[in-house]
């Protein structure tokens, strides 16, 4: 939670979908957007300190209804690991 007007909600569905709901209460209205786990903390801070509104993030949501910084196939759990170079 950033403060009482900007916070994230995580539940059992969040675990299976790898995303959480960012909620903002502004001007007496409740706004929300689904954000992938890989960026949820950064997005909370960005809304609080830079954009001041989740509206911009809502405009960046993908076809699956979730804001991601990487394509869905790269963000999913259980994928193949990146090859590491030895030496």
PDB file of N, CA and C in Angstrom:
ATOM      1  N   UNK A   1       0.843  -1.165   0.000  1.00  0.00           N
ATOM      2  CA  UNK A   1       0.000   0.000   0.000  1.00  0.00           C
ATOM      3  C   UNK A   1       0.895   1.237   0.000  1.00  0.00           C
ATOM      4  N   UNK A   2       0.611   2.157  -0.888  1.00  0.00           N
ATOM      5  CA  UNK A   2       1.313   3.434  -0.915  1.00  0.00           C
ATOM      6  C   UNK A   2       0.660   4.359   0.103  1.00  0.00           C
ATOM      7  N   UNK A   3      -0.645   4.499   0.043  1.00  0.00           N
ATOM      8  CA  UNK A   3      -1.423   5.231   1.042  1.00  0.00           C
ATOM      9  C   UNK A   3      -2.874   4.772   0.937  1.00  0.00           C
ATOM     10  N   UNK A   4      -3.772   5.408   1.672  1.00  0.00           N
ATOM     11  CA  UNK A   4      -5.164   4.945   1.694  1.00  0.00           C
ATOM     12  C   UNK A   4      -5.918   5.238   0.398  1.00  0.00           C
ATOM     13  N   UNK A   5      -5.305   5.974  -0.538  1.00  0.00           N
ATOM     14  CA  UNK A   5      -5.967   6.262  -1.806  1.00  0.00           C
ATOM     15  C   UNK A   5      -5.311   5.555  -2.995  1.00  0.00           C
ATOM     16  N   UNK A   6      -4.201   4.841  -2.757  1.00  0.00           N
ATOM     17  CA  UNK A   6      -3.517   4.109  -3.815  1.00  0.00           C
ATOM     18  C   UNK A   6      -2.918   2.837  -3.229  1.00  0.00           C
ATOM     19  N   UNK A   7      -3.418   1.686  -3.693  1.00  0.00           N
ATOM     20  CA  UNK A   7      -2.968   0.422  -3.125  1.00  0.00           C
ATOM     21  C   UNK A   7      -3.199  -0.717  -4.111  1.00  0.00           C
ATOM     22  N   UNK A   8      -2.618  -1.877  -3.817  1.00  0.00           N
ATOM     23  CA  UNK A   8      -2.784  -3.068  -4.646  1.00  0.00           C
ATOM     24  C   UNK A   8      -3.586  -4.112  -3.882  1.00  0.00           C
ATOM     25  N   UNK A   9      -4.398  -4.836  -4.607  1.00  0.00           N
ATOM     26  CA  UNK A   9      -5.169  -5.940  -4.039  1.00  0.00           C
ATOM     27  C   UNK A   9      -4.663  -7.227  -4.687  1.00  0.00           C
ATOM     28  N   UNK A  10      -4.278  -8.176  -3.847  1.00  0.00           N
ATOM     29  CA  UNK A  10      -3.806  -9.477  -4.308  1.00  0.00           C
ATOM     30  C   UNK A  10      -4.642 -10.552  -3.637  1.00  0.00           C
ATOM     31  N   UNK A  11      -5.069 -11.555  -4.409  1.00  0.00           N
ATOM     32  CA  UNK A  11      -5.855 -12.645  -3.854  1.00  0.00           C
ATOM     33  C   UNK A  11      -5.444 -13.955  -4.518  1.00  0.00           C
ATOM     34  N   UNK A  12      -6.210 -15.017  -4.289  1.00  0.00           N
ATOM     35  CA  UNK A  12      -5.860 -16.314  -4.873  1.00  0.00           C
ATOM     36  C   UNK A  12      -5.841 -16.260  -6.394  1.00  0.00           C
ATOM     37  N   UNK A  13      -6.743 -15.506  -6.983  1.00  0.00           N
ATOM     38  CA  UNK A  13      -6.785 -15.364  -8.438  1.00  0.00           C
ATOM     39  C   UNK A  13      -5.505 -14.693  -8.941  1.00  0.00           C
ATOM     40  N   UNK A  14      -4.958 -13.804  -8.145  1.00  0.00           N
ATOM     41  CA  UNK A  14      -3.712 -13.123  -8.504  1.00  0.00           C
ATOM     42  C   UNK A  14      -2.586 -14.135  -8.720  1.00  0.00           C
ATOM     43  N   UNK A  15      -2.531 -15.162  -7.886  1.00  0.00           N
ATOM     44  CA  UNK A  15      -1.478 -16.177  -8.008  1.00  0.00           C
ATOM     45  C   UNK A  15      -1.580 -16.940  -9.320  1.00  0.00           C
ATOM     46  N   UNK A  16      -2.788 -17.296  -9.713  1.00  0.00           N
ATOM     47  CA  UNK A  16      -2.942 -18.070 -10.943  1.00  0.00           C
ATOM     48  C   UNK A  16      -2.778 -17.205 -12.189  1.00  0.00           C
ATOM     49  N   UNK A  17      -3.055 -15.910 -12.079  1.00  0.00           N
ATOM     50  CA  UNK A  17      -2.960 -15.028 -13.240  1.00  0.00           C
ATOM     51  C   UNK A  17      -1.694 -14.162 -13.231  1.00  0.00           C
ATOM     52  N   UNK A  18      -0.877 -14.278 -12.195  1.00  0.00           N
ATOM     53  CA  UNK A  18       0.363 -13.503 -12.068  1.00  0.00           C
ATOM     54  C   UNK A  18       0.131 -11.998 -12.176  1.00  0.00           C
ATOM     55  N   UNK A  19      -0.980 -11.531 -11.619  1.00  0.00           N
ATOM     56  CA  UNK A  19      -1.263 -10.098 -11.669  1.00  0.00           C
ATOM     57  C   UNK A  19      -2.038  -9.668 -10.430  1.00  0.00           C
ATOM     58  N   UNK A  20      -2.025  -8.380 -10.202  1.00  0.00           N
ATOM     59  CA  UNK A  20      -2.774  -7.820  -9.092  1.00  0.00           C
ATOM     60  C   UNK A  20      -3.567  -6.622  -9.573  1.00  0.00           C
ATOM     61  N   UNK A  21      -4.420  -6.117  -8.738  1.00  0.00           N
ATOM     62  CA  UNK A  21      -5.264  -4.993  -9.075  1.00  0.00           C
ATOM     63  C   UNK A  21      -4.754  -3.754  -8.355  1.00  0.00           C
ATOM     64  N   UNK A  22      -4.373  -2.725  -9.114  1.00  0.00           N
ATOM     65  CA  UNK A  22      -4.024  -1.449  -8.509  1.00  0.00           C
ATOM     66  C   UNK A  22      -5.309  -0.639  -8.426  1.00  0.00           C
ATOM     67  N   UNK A  23      -5.585  -0.118  -7.247  1.00  0.00           N
ATOM     68  CA  UNK A  23      -6.799   0.654  -7.002  1.00  0.00           C
ATOM     69  C   UNK A  23      -6.408   2.067  -6.591  1.00  0.00           C
ATOM     70  N   UNK A  24      -7.106   3.040  -7.170  1.00  0.00           N
ATOM     71  CA  UNK A  24      -6.889   4.429  -6.807  1.00  0.00           C
ATOM     72  C   UNK A  24      -8.240   5.076  -6.511  1.00  0.00           C
ATOM     73  N   UNK A  25      -8.312   5.749  -5.376  1.00  0.00           N
ATOM     74  CA  UNK A  25      -9.505   6.509  -5.022  1.00  0.00           C
ATOM     75  C   UNK A  25      -9.145   7.976  -5.210  1.00  0.00           C
ATOM     76  N   UNK A  26      -9.810   8.601  -6.177  1.00  0.00           N
ATOM     77  CA  UNK A  26      -9.481   9.987  -6.520  1.00  0.00           C
ATOM     78  C   UNK A  26     -10.768  10.732  -6.868  1.00  0.00           C
ATOM     79  N   UNK A  27     -10.929  11.905  -6.283  1.00  0.00           N
ATOM     80  CA  UNK A  27     -12.115  12.727  -6.517  1.00  0.00           C
ATOM     81  C   UNK A  27     -13.406  11.956  -6.239  1.00  0.00           C
ATOM     82  N   UNK A  28     -13.370  11.108  -5.211  1.00  0.00           N
ATOM     83  CA  UNK A  28     -14.556  10.351  -4.822  1.00  0.00           C
ATOM     84  C   UNK A  28     -14.887   9.181  -5.727  1.00  0.00           C
ATOM     85  N   UNK A  29     -14.013   8.864  -6.674  1.00  0.00           N
ATOM     86  CA  UNK A  29     -14.237   7.745  -7.587  1.00  0.00           C
ATOM     87  C   UNK A  29     -13.172   6.682  -7.389  1.00  0.00           C
ATOM     88  N   UNK A  30     -13.558   5.442  -7.625  1.00  0.00           N
ATOM     89  CA  UNK A  30     -12.629   4.324  -7.522  1.00  0.00           C
ATOM     90  C   UNK A  30     -12.233   3.907  -8.935  1.00  0.00           C
ATOM     91  N   UNK A  31     -10.927   3.926  -9.199  1.00  0.00           N
ATOM     92  CA  UNK A  31     -10.389   3.506 -10.495  1.00  0.00           C
ATOM     93  C   UNK A  31      -9.470   2.325 -10.244  1.00  0.00           C
ATOM     94  N   UNK A  32      -9.387   1.415 -11.222  1.00  0.00           N
ATOM     95  CA  UNK A  32      -8.518   0.257 -11.028  1.00  0.00           C
ATOM     96  C   UNK A  32      -7.952  -0.213 -12.361  1.00  0.00           C
ATOM     97  N   UNK A  33      -6.869  -0.978 -12.257  1.00  0.00           N
ATOM     98  CA  UNK A  33      -6.224  -1.558 -13.428  1.00  0.00           C
ATOM     99  C   UNK A  33      -5.462  -2.812 -12.988  1.00  0.00           C
ATOM    100  N   UNK A  34      -5.533  -3.875 -13.807  1.00  0.00           N
ATOM    101  CA  UNK A  34      -4.767  -5.094 -13.538  1.00  0.00           C
ATOM    102  C   UNK A  34      -3.340  -4.896 -14.043  1.00  0.00           C
ATOM    103  N   UNK A  35      -2.368  -5.256 -13.208  1.00  0.00           N
ATOM    104  CA  UNK A  35      -0.956  -5.087 -13.534  1.00  0.00           C
ATOM    105  C   UNK A  35      -0.222  -6.390 -13.222  1.00  0.00           C
ATOM    106  N   UNK A  36       0.665  -6.811 -14.123  1.00  0.00           N
ATOM    107  CA  UNK A  36       1.444  -8.032 -13.923  1.00  0.00           C
ATOM    108  C   UNK A  36       2.390  -7.858 -12.741  1.00  0.00           C
ATOM    109  N   UNK A  37       2.674  -8.958 -12.055  1.00  0.00           N
ATOM    110  CA  UNK A  37       3.550  -8.942 -10.877  1.00  0.00           C
ATOM    111  C   UNK A  37       4.919  -8.320 -11.154  1.00  0.00           C
ATOM    112  N   UNK A  38       5.461  -8.507 -12.375  1.00  0.00           N
ATOM    113  CA  UNK A  38       6.810  -8.026 -12.638  1.00  0.00           C
ATOM    114  C   UNK A  38       6.947  -6.513 -12.566  1.00  0.00           C
ATOM    115  N   UNK A  39       5.835  -5.802 -12.551  1.00  0.00           N
ATOM    116  CA  UNK A  39       5.916  -4.344 -12.547  1.00  0.00           C
ATOM    117  C   UNK A  39       4.964  -3.661 -11.573  1.00  0.00           C
ATOM    118  N   UNK A  40       4.271  -4.420 -10.754  1.00  0.00           N
ATOM    119  CA  UNK A  40       3.235  -3.818  -9.907  1.00  0.00           C
ATOM    120  C   UNK A  40       3.809  -2.788  -8.930  1.00  0.00           C
ATOM    121  N   UNK A  41       4.941  -3.074  -8.294  1.00  0.00           N
ATOM    122  CA  UNK A  41       5.529  -2.102  -7.356  1.00  0.00           C
ATOM    123  C   UNK A  41       5.974  -0.837  -8.067  1.00  0.00           C
ATOM    124  N   UNK A  42       6.654  -0.999  -9.194  1.00  0.00           N
ATOM    125  CA  UNK A  42       7.109   0.164  -9.958  1.00  0.00           C
ATOM    126  C   UNK A  42       5.930   0.993 -10.448  1.00  0.00           C
ATOM    127  N   UNK A  43       4.853   0.330 -10.829  1.00  0.00           N
ATOM    128  CA  UNK A  43       3.681   1.053 -11.326  1.00  0.00           C
ATOM    129  C   UNK A  43       2.990   1.832 -10.207  1.00  0.00           C
ATOM    130  N   UNK A  44       2.919   1.253  -9.015  1.00  0.00           N
ATOM    131  CA  UNK A  44       2.366   1.988  -7.873  1.00  0.00           C
ATOM    132  C   UNK A  44       3.154   3.274  -7.621  1.00  0.00           C
ATOM    133  N   UNK A  45       4.460   3.172  -7.650  1.00  0.00           N
ATOM    134  CA  UNK A  45       5.314   4.345  -7.413  1.00  0.00           C
ATOM    135  C   UNK A  45       5.173   5.351  -8.552  1.00  0.00           C
ATOM    136  N   UNK A  46       5.102   4.857  -9.792  1.00  0.00           N
ATOM    137  CA  UNK A  46       4.956   5.753 -10.943  1.00  0.00           C
ATOM    138  C   UNK A  46       3.660   6.541 -10.864  1.00  0.00           C
ATOM    139  N   UNK A  47       2.571   5.873 -10.488  1.00  0.00           N
ATOM    140  CA  UNK A  47       1.287   6.561 -10.359  1.00  0.00           C
ATOM    141  C   UNK A  47       1.350   7.594  -9.234  1.00  0.00           C
ATOM    142  N   UNK A  48       1.939   7.220  -8.124  1.00  0.00           N
ATOM    143  CA  UNK A  48       2.018   8.116  -6.974  1.00  0.00           C
ATOM    144  C   UNK A  48       2.879   9.350  -7.241  1.00  0.00           C
ATOM    145  N   UNK A  49       4.009   9.178  -7.946  1.00  0.00           N
ATOM    146  CA  UNK A  49       4.969  10.265  -8.049  1.00  0.00           C
ATOM    147  C   UNK A  49       5.056  10.937  -9.427  1.00  0.00           C
ATOM    148  N   UNK A  50       4.564  10.278 -10.475  1.00  0.00           N
ATOM    149  CA  UNK A  50       4.758  10.834 -11.814  1.00  0.00           C
ATOM    150  C   UNK A  50       3.437  11.141 -12.519  1.00  0.00           C
ATOM    151  N   UNK A  51       2.580  10.136 -12.695  1.00  0.00           N
ATOM    152  CA  UNK A  51       1.355  10.355 -13.474  1.00  0.00           C
ATOM    153  C   UNK A  51       0.177  10.807 -12.623  1.00  0.00           C
ATOM    154  N   UNK A  52       0.187  10.471 -11.346  1.00  0.00           N
ATOM    155  CA  UNK A  52      -0.849  10.846 -10.382  1.00  0.00           C
ATOM    156  C   UNK A  52      -2.225  10.272 -10.689  1.00  0.00           C
ATOM    157  N   UNK A  53      -2.315   9.363 -11.662  1.00  0.00           N
ATOM    158  CA  UNK A  53      -3.614   8.800 -12.036  1.00  0.00           C
ATOM    159  C   UNK A  53      -3.398   7.455 -12.727  1.00  0.00           C
ATOM    160  N   UNK A  54      -4.242   6.467 -12.443  1.00  0.00           N
ATOM    161  CA  UNK A  54      -4.122   5.162 -13.099  1.00  0.00           C
ATOM    162  C   UNK A  54      -4.674   5.188 -14.516  1.00  0.00           C
ATOM    163  N   UNK A  55      -5.264   6.296 -14.922  1.00  0.00           N
ATOM    164  CA  UNK A  55      -5.859   6.397 -16.258  1.00  0.00           C
ATOM    165  C   UNK A  55      -4.833   6.090 -17.361  1.00  0.00           C
ATOM    166  N   UNK A  56      -3.605   6.605 -17.213  1.00  0.00           N
ATOM    167  CA  UNK A  56      -2.569   6.334 -18.212  1.00  0.00           C
ATOM    168  C   UNK A  56      -2.262   4.844 -18.285  1.00  0.00           C
ATOM    169  N   UNK A  57      -2.162   4.196 -17.151  1.00  0.00           N
ATOM    170  CA  UNK A  57      -1.896   2.754 -17.114  1.00  0.00           C
ATOM    171  C   UNK A  57      -3.055   1.983 -17.746  1.00  0.00           C
ATOM    172  N   UNK A  58      -4.282   2.415 -17.506  1.00  0.00           N
ATOM    173  CA  UNK A  58      -5.443   1.757 -18.106  1.00  0.00           C
ATOM    174  C   UNK A  58      -5.345   1.770 -19.630  1.00  0.00           C
ATOM    175  N   UNK A  59      -4.784   2.839 -20.181  1.00  0.00           N
ATOM    176  CA  UNK A  59      -4.639   2.943 -21.624  1.00  0.00           C
ATOM    177  C   UNK A  59      -3.563   2.036 -22.202  1.00  0.00           C
ATOM    178  N   UNK A  60      -2.735   1.454 -21.350  1.00  0.00           N
ATOM    179  CA  UNK A  60      -1.639   0.584 -21.789  1.00  0.00           C
ATOM    180  C   UNK A  60      -1.928  -0.907 -21.594  1.00  0.00           C
ATOM    181  N   UNK A  61      -3.137  -1.223 -21.162  1.00  0.00           N
ATOM    182  CA  UNK A  61      -3.522  -2.611 -20.898  1.00  0.00           C
ATOM    183  C   UNK A  61      -3.566  -3.397 -22.202  1.00  0.00           C
ATOM    184  N   UNK A  62      -3.054  -4.618 -22.153  1.00  0.00           N
ATOM    185  CA  UNK A  62      -3.031  -5.488 -23.332  1.00  0.00           C
ATOM    186  C   UNK A  62      -4.364  -6.159 -23.594  1.00  0.00           C
ATOM    187  N   UNK A  63      -4.386  -6.990 -24.624  1.00  0.00           N
ATOM    188  CA  UNK A  63      -5.609  -7.700 -25.019  1.00  0.00           C
ATOM    189  C   UNK A  63      -6.144  -8.604 -23.923  1.00  0.00           C
ATOM    190  N   UNK A  64      -5.243  -9.061 -23.040  1.00  0.00           N
ATOM    191  CA  UNK A  64      -5.662  -9.951 -21.955  1.00  0.00           C
ATOM    192  C   UNK A  64      -6.167  -9.184 -20.730  1.00  0.00           C
ATOM    193  N   UNK A  65      -6.213  -7.848 -20.824  1.00  0.00           N
ATOM    194  CA  UNK A  65      -6.740  -7.039 -19.722  1.00  0.00           C
ATOM    195  C   UNK A  65      -5.739  -6.714 -18.634  1.00  0.00           C
ATOM    196  N   UNK A  66      -4.449  -6.999 -18.893  1.00  0.00           N
ATOM    197  CA  UNK A  66      -3.401  -6.794 -17.892  1.00  0.00           C
ATOM    198  C   UNK A  66      -2.313  -5.895 -18.476  1.00  0.00           C
ATOM    199  N   UNK A  67      -1.835  -4.907 -17.683  1.00  0.00           N
ATOM    200  CA  UNK A  67      -0.698  -4.091 -18.088  1.00  0.00           C
ATOM    201  C   UNK A  67       0.567  -4.881 -17.812  1.00  0.00           C
ATOM    202  N   UNK A  68       1.409  -5.022 -18.845  1.00  0.00           N
ATOM    203  CA  UNK A  68       2.655  -5.775 -18.729  1.00  0.00           C
ATOM    204  C   UNK A  68       3.793  -4.967 -19.330  1.00  0.00           C
ATOM    205  N   UNK A  69       4.995  -5.191 -18.819  1.00  0.00           N
ATOM    206  CA  UNK A  69       6.172  -4.576 -19.419  1.00  0.00           C
ATOM    207  C   UNK A  69       6.839  -5.528 -20.396  1.00  0.00           C
ATOM    208  N   UNK A  70       6.422  -6.797 -20.372  1.00  0.00           N
ATOM    209  CA  UNK A  70       6.937  -7.815 -21.289  1.00  0.00           C
ATOM    210  C   UNK A  70       5.737  -8.514 -21.923  1.00  0.00           C
ATOM    211  N   UNK A  71       5.913  -9.125 -23.094  1.00  0.00           N
ATOM    212  CA  UNK A  71       4.820  -9.890 -23.695  1.00  0.00           C
ATOM    213  C   UNK A  71       4.365 -11.012 -22.755  1.00  0.00           C
ATOM    214  N   UNK A  72       3.083 -11.391 -22.808  1.00  0.00           N
ATOM    215  CA  UNK A  72       2.557 -12.418 -21.898  1.00  0.00           C
ATOM    216  C   UNK A  72       3.359 -13.706 -21.864  1.00  0.00           C
ATOM    217  N   UNK A  73       3.848 -14.160 -23.021  1.00  0.00           N
ATOM    218  CA  UNK A  73       4.591 -15.434 -23.037  1.00  0.00           C
ATOM    219  C   UNK A  73       5.905 -15.325 -22.273  1.00  0.00           C
ATOM    220  N   UNK A  74       6.489 -14.144 -22.175  1.00  0.00           N
ATOM    221  CA  UNK A  74       7.718 -13.968 -21.404  1.00  0.00           C
ATOM    222  C   UNK A  74       7.429 -13.753 -19.929  1.00  0.00           C
ATOM    223  N   UNK A  75       6.213 -13.349 -19.605  1.00  0.00           N
ATOM    224  CA  UNK A  75       5.850 -13.050 -18.221  1.00  0.00           C
ATOM    225  C   UNK A  75       5.299 -14.250 -17.467  1.00  0.00           C
ATOM    226  N   UNK A  76       4.967 -15.316 -18.170  1.00  0.00           N
ATOM    227  CA  UNK A  76       4.307 -16.454 -17.530  1.00  0.00           C
ATOM    228  C   UNK A  76       5.283 -17.298 -16.727  1.00  0.00           C
ATOM    229  N   UNK A  77       4.778 -17.843 -15.630  1.00  0.00           N
ATOM    230  CA  UNK A  77       5.567 -18.757 -14.812  1.00  0.00           C
ATOM    231  C   UNK A  77       5.734 -20.085 -15.534  1.00  0.00           C
ATOM    232  N   UNK A  78       6.789 -20.778 -15.208  1.00  0.00           N
ATOM    233  CA  UNK A  78       6.964 -22.132 -15.715  1.00  0.00           C
ATOM    234  C   UNK A  78       7.559 -22.210 -17.105  1.00  0.00           C
ATOM    235  N   UNK A  79       7.927 -21.089 -17.681  1.00  0.00           N
ATOM    236  CA  UNK A  79       8.546 -21.104 -18.995  1.00  0.00           C
ATOM    237  C   UNK A  79       9.981 -21.581 -18.913  1.00  0.00           C
ATOM    238  N   UNK A  80      10.591 -21.725 -20.066  1.00  0.00           N
ATOM    239  CA  UNK A  80      11.981 -22.162 -20.057  1.00  0.00           C
ATOM    240  C   UNK A  80      12.875 -21.050 -19.544  1.00  0.00           C
ATOM    241  N   UNK A  81      13.933 -21.437 -18.880  1.00  0.00           N
ATOM    242  CA  UNK A  81      14.858 -20.466 -18.302  1.00  0.00           C
ATOM    243  C   UNK A  81      15.774 -19.910 -19.388  1.00  0.00           C
ATOM    244  N   UNK A  82      16.220 -18.694 -19.166  1.00  0.00           N
ATOM    245  CA  UNK A  82      17.179 -18.070 -20.082  1.00  0.00           C
ATOM    246  C   UNK A  82      18.502 -18.812 -19.984  1.00  0.00           C
ATOM    247  N   UNK A  83      19.121 -19.101 -21.142  1.00  0.00           N
ATOM    248  CA  UNK A  83      20.410 -19.797 -21.137  1.00  0.00           C
ATOM    249  C   UNK A  83      21.481 -18.894 -20.593  1.00  0.00           C
ATOM    250  N   UNK A  84      22.289 -19.441 -19.711  1.00  0.00           N
ATOM    251  CA  UNK A  84      23.375 -18.659 -19.103  1.00  0.00           C
ATOM    252  C   UNK A  84      24.696 -19.061 -19.720  1.00  0.00           C
ATOM    253  N   UNK A  85      25.547 -18.074 -19.894  1.00  0.00           N
ATOM    254  CA  UNK A  85      26.875 -18.340 -20.424  1.00  0.00           C
ATOM    255  C   UNK A  85      27.809 -18.697 -19.275  1.00  0.00           C
ATOM    256  N   UNK A  86      28.605 -19.698 -19.488  1.00  0.00           N
ATOM    257  CA  UNK A  86      29.578 -20.105 -18.474  1.00  0.00           C
ATOM    258  C   UNK A  86      30.931 -19.492 -18.794  1.00  0.00           C
ATOM    259  N   UNK A  87      31.625 -19.113 -17.751  1.00  0.00           N
ATOM    260  CA  UNK A  87      32.985 -18.639 -17.929  1.00  0.00           C
ATOM    261  C   UNK A  87      33.064 -17.224 -18.158  1.00  0.00           C
TER     262      UNK A  87
END
